Amino acid sequence: MELLAQLLPFIFLIAIMYFVIIRPQQQQAKRHQEMITNLQKGDKIVTNGGLIVEIKKVENAFFLVKISDEMTAKLDKQSVARKYEDEA
């Protein structure tokens, strides 16, 4: 009984950390992965570097993106920060 009384505060702290820190991070990572999976040709995205680019081709681990009218590049899928939505 005495051991349980000593461990109870630690168990309580671990539970709080799980629900406040770990679980929300896991849910956010899952939503980000779903967003990347659902991207398709023609979508505009924002890279982790802050560039707004348009997807020209979807590959297994990369996107072929259009940076400007004359320039395209390959972008790693994990470098996508978010989908760009025009505010206008």
PDB file of N, CA and C in Angstrom:
ATOM      1  N   MET A   1       0.824  -1.205   0.000  1.00  0.00           N
ATOM      2  CA  MET A   1       0.000   0.000   0.000  1.00  0.00           C
ATOM      3  C   MET A   1       0.866   1.267   0.000  1.00  0.00           C
ATOM      4  N   GLU A   2       1.956   1.188   0.761  1.00  0.00           N
ATOM      5  CA  GLU A   2       2.853   2.320   0.850  1.00  0.00           C
ATOM      6  C   GLU A   2       3.548   2.573  -0.492  1.00  0.00           C
ATOM      7  N   LEU A   3       3.892   1.506  -1.202  1.00  0.00           N
ATOM      8  CA  LEU A   3       4.521   1.616  -2.513  1.00  0.00           C
ATOM      9  C   LEU A   3       3.568   2.280  -3.512  1.00  0.00           C
ATOM     10  N   LEU A   4       2.316   1.891  -3.475  1.00  0.00           N
ATOM     11  CA  LEU A   4       1.309   2.473  -4.358  1.00  0.00           C
ATOM     12  C   LEU A   4       1.147   3.971  -4.089  1.00  0.00           C
ATOM     13  N   ALA A   5       1.177   4.349  -2.834  1.00  0.00           N
ATOM     14  CA  ALA A   5       1.049   5.761  -2.468  1.00  0.00           C
ATOM     15  C   ALA A   5       2.240   6.573  -2.982  1.00  0.00           C
ATOM     16  N   GLN A   6       3.426   5.953  -3.029  1.00  0.00           N
ATOM     17  CA  GLN A   6       4.603   6.657  -3.529  1.00  0.00           C
ATOM     18  C   GLN A   6       4.600   6.750  -5.052  1.00  0.00           C
ATOM     19  N   LEU A   7       4.073   5.744  -5.733  1.00  0.00           N
ATOM     20  CA  LEU A   7       4.070   5.723  -7.191  1.00  0.00           C
ATOM     21  C   LEU A   7       2.916   6.512  -7.808  1.00  0.00           C
ATOM     22  N   LEU A   8       1.874   6.731  -7.068  1.00  0.00           N
ATOM     23  CA  LEU A   8       0.688   7.405  -7.597  1.00  0.00           C
ATOM     24  C   LEU A   8       0.984   8.785  -8.189  1.00  0.00           C
ATOM     25  N   PRO A   9       1.781   9.648  -7.553  1.00  0.00           N
ATOM     26  CA  PRO A   9       2.081  10.948  -8.176  1.00  0.00           C
ATOM     27  C   PRO A   9       2.822  10.811  -9.518  1.00  0.00           C
ATOM     28  N   PHE A  10       3.733   9.845  -9.616  1.00  0.00           N
ATOM     29  CA  PHE A  10       4.457   9.644 -10.877  1.00  0.00           C
ATOM     30  C   PHE A  10       3.530   9.141 -11.971  1.00  0.00           C
ATOM     31  N   ILE A  11       2.643   8.244 -11.627  1.00  0.00           N
ATOM     32  CA  ILE A  11       1.673   7.742 -12.601  1.00  0.00           C
ATOM     33  C   ILE A  11       0.771   8.883 -13.070  1.00  0.00           C
ATOM     34  N   PHE A  12       0.372   9.732 -12.148  1.00  0.00           N
ATOM     35  CA  PHE A  12      -0.466  10.883 -12.475  1.00  0.00           C
ATOM     36  C   PHE A  12       0.270  11.838 -13.421  1.00  0.00           C
ATOM     37  N   LEU A  13       1.554  12.118 -13.160  1.00  0.00           N
ATOM     38  CA  LEU A  13       2.344  12.998 -14.025  1.00  0.00           C
ATOM     39  C   LEU A  13       2.520  12.403 -15.419  1.00  0.00           C
ATOM     40  N   ILE A  14       2.761  11.111 -15.501  1.00  0.00           N
ATOM     41  CA  ILE A  14       2.915  10.457 -16.800  1.00  0.00           C
ATOM     42  C   ILE A  14       1.606  10.543 -17.586  1.00  0.00           C
ATOM     43  N   ALA A  15       0.491  10.348 -16.932  1.00  0.00           N
ATOM     44  CA  ALA A  15      -0.807  10.448 -17.602  1.00  0.00           C
ATOM     45  C   ALA A  15      -1.049  11.866 -18.117  1.00  0.00           C
ATOM     46  N   ILE A  16      -0.711  12.866 -17.327  1.00  0.00           N
ATOM     47  CA  ILE A  16      -0.881  14.257 -17.754  1.00  0.00           C
ATOM     48  C   ILE A  16       0.014  14.547 -18.957  1.00  0.00           C
ATOM     49  N   MET A  17       1.273  14.101 -18.912  1.00  0.00           N
ATOM     50  CA  MET A  17       2.186  14.328 -20.039  1.00  0.00           C
ATOM     51  C   MET A  17       1.651  13.660 -21.306  1.00  0.00           C
ATOM     52  N   TYR A  18       1.086  12.469 -21.163  1.00  0.00           N
ATOM     53  CA  TYR A  18       0.562  11.778 -22.337  1.00  0.00           C
ATOM     54  C   TYR A  18      -0.569  12.580 -22.978  1.00  0.00           C
ATOM     55  N   PHE A  19      -1.525  13.020 -22.184  1.00  0.00           N
ATOM     56  CA  PHE A  19      -2.690  13.705 -22.743  1.00  0.00           C
ATOM     57  C   PHE A  19      -2.404  15.151 -23.153  1.00  0.00           C
ATOM     58  N   VAL A  20      -1.388  15.781 -22.598  1.00  0.00           N
ATOM     59  CA  VAL A  20      -1.092  17.170 -22.915  1.00  0.00           C
ATOM     60  C   VAL A  20      -0.030  17.298 -24.009  1.00  0.00           C
ATOM     61  N   ILE A  21       0.937  16.378 -24.045  1.00  0.00           N
ATOM     62  CA  ILE A  21       2.057  16.529 -24.971  1.00  0.00           C
ATOM     63  C   ILE A  21       2.088  15.442 -26.042  1.00  0.00           C
ATOM     64  N   ILE A  22       2.152  14.208 -25.645  1.00  0.00           N
ATOM     65  CA  ILE A  22       2.415  13.110 -26.584  1.00  0.00           C
ATOM     66  C   ILE A  22       1.243  12.871 -27.534  1.00  0.00           C
ATOM     67  N   ARG A  23       0.051  12.747 -27.032  1.00  0.00           N
ATOM     68  CA  ARG A  23      -1.113  12.448 -27.867  1.00  0.00           C
ATOM     69  C   ARG A  23      -1.399  13.531 -28.900  1.00  0.00           C
ATOM     70  N   PRO A  24      -1.393  14.815 -28.534  1.00  0.00           N
ATOM     71  CA  PRO A  24      -1.613  15.848 -29.557  1.00  0.00           C
ATOM     72  C   PRO A  24      -0.548  15.845 -30.651  1.00  0.00           C
ATOM     73  N   GLN A  25       0.716  15.570 -30.295  1.00  0.00           N
ATOM     74  CA  GLN A  25       1.760  15.503 -31.313  1.00  0.00           C
ATOM     75  C   GLN A  25       1.518  14.344 -32.264  1.00  0.00           C
ATOM     76  N   GLN A  26       1.096  13.205 -31.751  1.00  0.00           N
ATOM     77  CA  GLN A  26       0.809  12.054 -32.600  1.00  0.00           C
ATOM     78  C   GLN A  26      -0.356  12.350 -33.536  1.00  0.00           C
ATOM     79  N   GLN A  27      -1.380  13.009 -33.036  1.00  0.00           N
ATOM     80  CA  GLN A  27      -2.536  13.348 -33.878  1.00  0.00           C
ATOM     81  C   GLN A  27      -2.146  14.347 -34.959  1.00  0.00           C
ATOM     82  N   GLN A  28      -1.311  15.327 -34.621  1.00  0.00           N
ATOM     83  CA  GLN A  28      -0.884  16.305 -35.608  1.00  0.00           C
ATOM     84  C   GLN A  28      -0.028  15.642 -36.686  1.00  0.00           C
ATOM     85  N   ALA A  29       0.857  14.738 -36.297  1.00  0.00           N
ATOM     86  CA  ALA A  29       1.689  14.023 -37.268  1.00  0.00           C
ATOM     87  C   ALA A  29       0.821  13.166 -38.187  1.00  0.00           C
ATOM     88  N   LYS A  30      -0.217  12.564 -37.650  1.00  0.00           N
ATOM     89  CA  LYS A  30      -1.135  11.750 -38.463  1.00  0.00           C
ATOM     90  C   LYS A  30      -1.884  12.624 -39.468  1.00  0.00           C
ATOM     91  N   ARG A  31      -2.375  13.794 -39.029  1.00  0.00           N
ATOM     92  CA  ARG A  31      -3.075  14.708 -39.943  1.00  0.00           C
ATOM     93  C   ARG A  31      -2.139  15.208 -41.037  1.00  0.00           C
ATOM     94  N   HIS A  32      -0.883  15.507 -40.702  1.00  0.00           N
ATOM     95  CA  HIS A  32       0.097  15.985 -41.677  1.00  0.00           C
ATOM     96  C   HIS A  32       0.372  14.899 -42.710  1.00  0.00           C
ATOM     97  N   GLN A  33       0.531  13.653 -42.258  1.00  0.00           N
ATOM     98  CA  GLN A  33       0.788  12.550 -43.185  1.00  0.00           C
ATOM     99  C   GLN A  33      -0.406  12.327 -44.112  1.00  0.00           C
ATOM    100  N   GLU A  34      -1.617  12.429 -43.591  1.00  0.00           N
ATOM    101  CA  GLU A  34      -2.819  12.287 -44.427  1.00  0.00           C
ATOM    102  C   GLU A  34      -2.885  13.410 -45.461  1.00  0.00           C
ATOM    103  N   MET A  35      -2.529  14.627 -45.055  1.00  0.00           N
ATOM    104  CA  MET A  35      -2.533  15.764 -45.978  1.00  0.00           C
ATOM    105  C   MET A  35      -1.543  15.520 -47.107  1.00  0.00           C
ATOM    106  N   ILE A  36      -0.346  15.040 -46.783  1.00  0.00           N
ATOM    107  CA  ILE A  36       0.663  14.767 -47.805  1.00  0.00           C
ATOM    108  C   ILE A  36       0.177  13.671 -48.753  1.00  0.00           C
ATOM    109  N   THR A  37      -0.452  12.642 -48.206  1.00  0.00           N
ATOM    110  CA  THR A  37      -0.959  11.538 -49.024  1.00  0.00           C
ATOM    111  C   THR A  37      -2.049  12.007 -49.987  1.00  0.00           C
ATOM    112  N   ASN A  38      -2.859  12.964 -49.581  1.00  0.00           N
ATOM    113  CA  ASN A  38      -3.983  13.424 -50.397  1.00  0.00           C
ATOM    114  C   ASN A  38      -3.614  14.516 -51.398  1.00  0.00           C
ATOM    115  N   LEU A  39      -2.366  14.994 -51.384  1.00  0.00           N
ATOM    116  CA  LEU A  39      -1.955  16.020 -52.346  1.00  0.00           C
ATOM    117  C   LEU A  39      -1.907  15.422 -53.746  1.00  0.00           C
ATOM    118  N   GLN A  40      -2.262  16.244 -54.736  1.00  0.00           N
ATOM    119  CA  GLN A  40      -2.260  15.781 -56.108  1.00  0.00           C
ATOM    120  C   GLN A  40      -1.790  16.886 -57.046  1.00  0.00           C
ATOM    121  N   LYS A  41      -1.635  16.527 -58.298  1.00  0.00           N
ATOM    122  CA  LYS A  41      -1.153  17.459 -59.310  1.00  0.00           C
ATOM    123  C   LYS A  41      -2.035  18.710 -59.329  1.00  0.00           C
ATOM    124  N   GLY A  42      -1.392  19.874 -59.381  1.00  0.00           N
ATOM    125  CA  GLY A  42      -2.114  21.142 -59.426  1.00  0.00           C
ATOM    126  C   GLY A  42      -2.286  21.809 -58.076  1.00  0.00           C
ATOM    127  N   ASP A  43      -2.099  21.067 -56.979  1.00  0.00           N
ATOM    128  CA  ASP A  43      -2.208  21.662 -55.644  1.00  0.00           C
ATOM    129  C   ASP A  43      -1.020  22.574 -55.385  1.00  0.00           C
ATOM    130  N   LYS A  44      -1.268  23.654 -54.663  1.00  0.00           N
ATOM    131  CA  LYS A  44      -0.192  24.547 -54.246  1.00  0.00           C
ATOM    132  C   LYS A  44       0.157  24.207 -52.803  1.00  0.00           C
ATOM    133  N   ILE A  45       1.457  24.175 -52.512  1.00  0.00           N
ATOM    134  CA  ILE A  45       1.924  23.840 -51.177  1.00  0.00           C
ATOM    135  C   ILE A  45       2.951  24.863 -50.710  1.00  0.00           C
ATOM    136  N   VAL A  46       3.136  24.911 -49.401  1.00  0.00           N
ATOM    137  CA  VAL A  46       4.174  25.732 -48.794  1.00  0.00           C
ATOM    138  C   VAL A  46       5.231  24.770 -48.265  1.00  0.00           C
ATOM    139  N   THR A  47       6.488  25.002 -48.658  1.00  0.00           N
ATOM    140  CA  THR A  47       7.570  24.148 -48.195  1.00  0.00           C
ATOM    141  C   THR A  47       8.034  24.593 -46.818  1.00  0.00           C
ATOM    142  N   ASN A  48       8.841  23.747 -46.174  1.00  0.00           N
ATOM    143  CA  ASN A  48       9.416  24.128 -44.875  1.00  0.00           C
ATOM    144  C   ASN A  48      10.314  25.351 -45.004  1.00  0.00           C
ATOM    145  N   GLY A  49      10.828  25.607 -46.203  1.00  0.00           N
ATOM    146  CA  GLY A  49      11.650  26.793 -46.439  1.00  0.00           C
ATOM    147  C   GLY A  49      10.840  28.040 -46.728  1.00  0.00           C
ATOM    148  N   GLY A  50       9.514  27.903 -46.844  1.00  0.00           N
ATOM    149  CA  GLY A  50       8.651  29.056 -47.055  1.00  0.00           C
ATOM    150  C   GLY A  50       8.296  29.328 -48.504  1.00  0.00           C
ATOM    151  N   LEU A  51       8.730  28.481 -49.428  1.00  0.00           N
ATOM    152  CA  LEU A  51       8.384  28.675 -50.829  1.00  0.00           C
ATOM    153  C   LEU A  51       6.971  28.177 -51.108  1.00  0.00           C
ATOM    154  N   ILE A  52       6.262  28.899 -51.946  1.00  0.00           N
ATOM    155  CA  ILE A  52       4.947  28.463 -52.408  1.00  0.00           C
ATOM    156  C   ILE A  52       5.143  27.914 -53.806  1.00  0.00           C
ATOM    157  N   VAL A  53       4.878  26.611 -53.983  1.00  0.00           N
ATOM    158  CA  VAL A  53       5.121  25.948 -55.259  1.00  0.00           C
ATOM    159  C   VAL A  53       3.884  25.158 -55.658  1.00  0.00           C
ATOM    160  N   GLU A  54       3.824  24.798 -56.941  1.00  0.00           N
ATOM    161  CA  GLU A  54       2.707  24.020 -57.470  1.00  0.00           C
ATOM    162  C   GLU A  54       3.198  22.616 -57.819  1.00  0.00           C
ATOM    163  N   ILE A  55       2.439  21.612 -57.444  1.00  0.00           N
ATOM    164  CA  ILE A  55       2.813  20.228 -57.730  1.00  0.00           C
ATOM    165  C   ILE A  55       2.527  19.916 -59.195  1.00  0.00           C
ATOM    166  N   LYS A  56       3.535  19.406 -59.890  1.00  0.00           N
ATOM    167  CA  LYS A  56       3.387  19.010 -61.289  1.00  0.00           C
ATOM    168  C   LYS A  56       3.272  17.498 -61.440  1.00  0.00           C
ATOM    169  N   LYS A  57       3.906  16.727 -60.539  1.00  0.00           N
ATOM    170  CA  LYS A  57       3.866  15.266 -60.621  1.00  0.00           C
ATOM    171  C   LYS A  57       4.074  14.702 -59.224  1.00  0.00           C
ATOM    172  N   VAL A  58       3.318  13.661 -58.896  1.00  0.00           N
ATOM    173  CA  VAL A  58       3.446  12.991 -57.605  1.00  0.00           C
ATOM    174  C   VAL A  58       4.216  11.691 -57.819  1.00  0.00           C
ATOM    175  N   GLU A  59       5.297  11.509 -57.072  1.00  0.00           N
ATOM    176  CA  GLU A  59       6.086  10.284 -57.111  1.00  0.00           C
ATOM    177  C   GLU A  59       6.026   9.626 -55.735  1.00  0.00           C
ATOM    178  N   ASN A  60       6.717   8.501 -55.580  1.00  0.00           N
ATOM    179  CA  ASN A  60       6.670   7.776 -54.305  1.00  0.00           C
ATOM    180  C   ASN A  60       7.161   8.608 -53.128  1.00  0.00           C
ATOM    181  N   ALA A  61       8.371   9.128 -53.220  1.00  0.00           N
ATOM    182  CA  ALA A  61       8.956   9.861 -52.100  1.00  0.00           C
ATOM    183  C   ALA A  61       9.136  11.348 -52.390  1.00  0.00           C
ATOM    184  N   PHE A  62       8.836  11.754 -53.630  1.00  0.00           N
ATOM    185  CA  PHE A  62       9.081  13.138 -54.034  1.00  0.00           C
ATOM    186  C   PHE A  62       7.887  13.713 -54.782  1.00  0.00           C
ATOM    187  N   PHE A  63       7.882  15.047 -54.836  1.00  0.00           N
ATOM    188  CA  PHE A  63       6.979  15.780 -55.719  1.00  0.00           C
ATOM    189  C   PHE A  63       7.848  16.486 -56.753  1.00  0.00           C
ATOM    190  N   LEU A  64       7.418  16.507 -57.995  1.00  0.00           N
ATOM    191  CA  LEU A  64       8.024  17.380 -58.986  1.00  0.00           C
ATOM    192  C   LEU A  64       7.207  18.660 -58.920  1.00  0.00           C
ATOM    193  N   VAL A  65       7.865  19.760 -58.571  1.00  0.00           N
ATOM    194  CA  VAL A  65       7.142  21.006 -58.327  1.00  0.00           C
ATOM    195  C   VAL A  65       7.592  22.091 -59.290  1.00  0.00           C
ATOM    196  N   LYS A  66       6.678  22.986 -59.584  1.00  0.00           N
ATOM    197  CA  LYS A  66       6.949  24.139 -60.443  1.00  0.00           C
ATOM    198  C   LYS A  66       7.205  25.334 -59.537  1.00  0.00           C
ATOM    199  N   ILE A  67       8.426  25.864 -59.636  1.00  0.00           N
ATOM    200  CA  ILE A  67       8.799  27.026 -58.828  1.00  0.00           C
ATOM    201  C   ILE A  67       8.437  28.312 -59.565  1.00  0.00           C
ATOM    202  N   SER A  68       8.728  28.355 -60.859  1.00  0.00           N
ATOM    203  CA  SER A  68       8.346  29.479 -61.705  1.00  0.00           C
ATOM    204  C   SER A  68       7.990  28.909 -63.078  1.00  0.00           C
ATOM    205  N   ASP A  69       7.688  29.759 -64.041  1.00  0.00           N
ATOM    206  CA  ASP A  69       7.297  29.283 -65.367  1.00  0.00           C
ATOM    207  C   ASP A  69       8.396  28.459 -66.023  1.00  0.00           C
ATOM    208  N   GLU A  70       9.654  28.788 -65.742  1.00  0.00           N
ATOM    209  CA  GLU A  70      10.767  28.095 -66.396  1.00  0.00           C
ATOM    210  C   GLU A  70      11.463  27.080 -65.497  1.00  0.00           C
ATOM    211  N   MET A  71      11.141  27.017 -64.224  1.00  0.00           N
ATOM    212  CA  MET A  71      11.922  26.210 -63.298  1.00  0.00           C
ATOM    213  C   MET A  71      11.070  25.181 -62.570  1.00  0.00           C
ATOM    214  N   THR A  72      11.534  23.918 -62.602  1.00  0.00           N
ATOM    215  CA  THR A  72      10.910  22.860 -61.814  1.00  0.00           C
ATOM    216  C   THR A  72      11.992  22.232 -60.944  1.00  0.00           C
ATOM    217  N   ALA A  73      11.573  21.556 -59.875  1.00  0.00           N
ATOM    218  CA  ALA A  73      12.517  20.911 -58.966  1.00  0.00           C
ATOM    219  C   ALA A  73      11.834  19.729 -58.311  1.00  0.00           C
ATOM    220  N   LYS A  74      12.651  18.826 -57.778  1.00  0.00           N
ATOM    221  CA  LYS A  74      12.123  17.711 -56.996  1.00  0.00           C
ATOM    222  C   LYS A  74      12.125  18.124 -55.533  1.00  0.00           C
ATOM    223  N   LEU A  75      11.030  17.811 -54.854  1.00  0.00           N
ATOM    224  CA  LEU A  75      10.878  18.171 -53.446  1.00  0.00           C
ATOM    225  C   LEU A  75      10.540  16.913 -52.661  1.00  0.00           C
ATOM    226  N   ASP A  76      11.279  16.666 -51.597  1.00  0.00           N
ATOM    227  CA  ASP A  76      11.001  15.537 -50.723  1.00  0.00           C
ATOM    228  C   ASP A  76       9.633  15.748 -50.062  1.00  0.00           C
ATOM    229  N   LYS A  77       8.841  14.686 -49.978  1.00  0.00           N
ATOM    230  CA  LYS A  77       7.492  14.823 -49.419  1.00  0.00           C
ATOM    231  C   LYS A  77       7.511  15.303 -47.963  1.00  0.00           C
ATOM    232  N   GLN A  78       8.568  14.974 -47.235  1.00  0.00           N
ATOM    233  CA  GLN A  78       8.643  15.399 -45.839  1.00  0.00           C
ATOM    234  C   GLN A  78       8.994  16.879 -45.693  1.00  0.00           C
ATOM    235  N   SER A  79       9.300  17.558 -46.799  1.00  0.00           N
ATOM    236  CA  SER A  79       9.613  18.987 -46.768  1.00  0.00           C
ATOM    237  C   SER A  79       8.380  19.861 -46.952  1.00  0.00           C
ATOM    238  N   VAL A  80       7.216  19.251 -47.036  1.00  0.00           N
ATOM    239  CA  VAL A  80       5.968  19.998 -47.203  1.00  0.00           C
ATOM    240  C   VAL A  80       5.481  20.452 -45.832  1.00  0.00           C
ATOM    241  N   ALA A  81       5.297  21.749 -45.677  1.00  0.00           N
ATOM    242  CA  ALA A  81       4.801  22.278 -44.399  1.00  0.00           C
ATOM    243  C   ALA A  81       3.267  22.215 -44.354  1.00  0.00           C
ATOM    244  N   ARG A  82       2.630  22.677 -45.425  1.00  0.00           N
ATOM    245  CA  ARG A  82       1.166  22.691 -45.450  1.00  0.00           C
ATOM    246  C   ARG A  82       0.684  22.936 -46.864  1.00  0.00           C
ATOM    247  N   LYS A  83      -0.602  22.707 -47.070  1.00  0.00           N
ATOM    248  CA  LYS A  83      -1.235  23.018 -48.355  1.00  0.00           C
ATOM    249  C   LYS A  83      -1.540  24.512 -48.367  1.00  0.00           C
ATOM    250  N   TYR A  84      -1.269  25.147 -49.489  1.00  0.00           N
ATOM    251  CA  TYR A  84      -1.485  26.591 -49.606  1.00  0.00           C
ATOM    252  C   TYR A  84      -2.914  26.848 -50.049  1.00  0.00           C
ATOM    253  N   GLU A  85      -3.597  27.657 -49.283  1.00  0.00           N
ATOM    254  CA  GLU A  85      -4.960  28.067 -49.613  1.00  0.00           C
ATOM    255  C   GLU A  85      -4.932  29.568 -49.880  1.00  0.00           C
ATOM    256  N   ASP A  86      -5.375  29.961 -51.056  1.00  0.00           N
ATOM    257  CA  ASP A  86      -5.403  31.404 -51.379  1.00  0.00           C
ATOM    258  C   ASP A  86      -6.345  32.128 -50.419  1.00  0.00           C
ATOM    259  N   GLU A  87      -5.853  33.212 -49.849  1.00  0.00           N
ATOM    260  CA  GLU A  87      -6.676  34.004 -48.935  1.00  0.00           C
ATOM    261  C   GLU A  87      -7.586  34.973 -49.703  1.00  0.00           C
ATOM    262  N   ALA A  88      -7.290  35.168 -50.982  1.00  0.00           N
ATOM    263  CA  ALA A  88      -8.063  36.121 -51.776  1.00  0.00           C
ATOM    264  C   ALA A  88      -9.414  35.593 -52.165  1.00  0.00           C
TER     265      ALA A  88
END
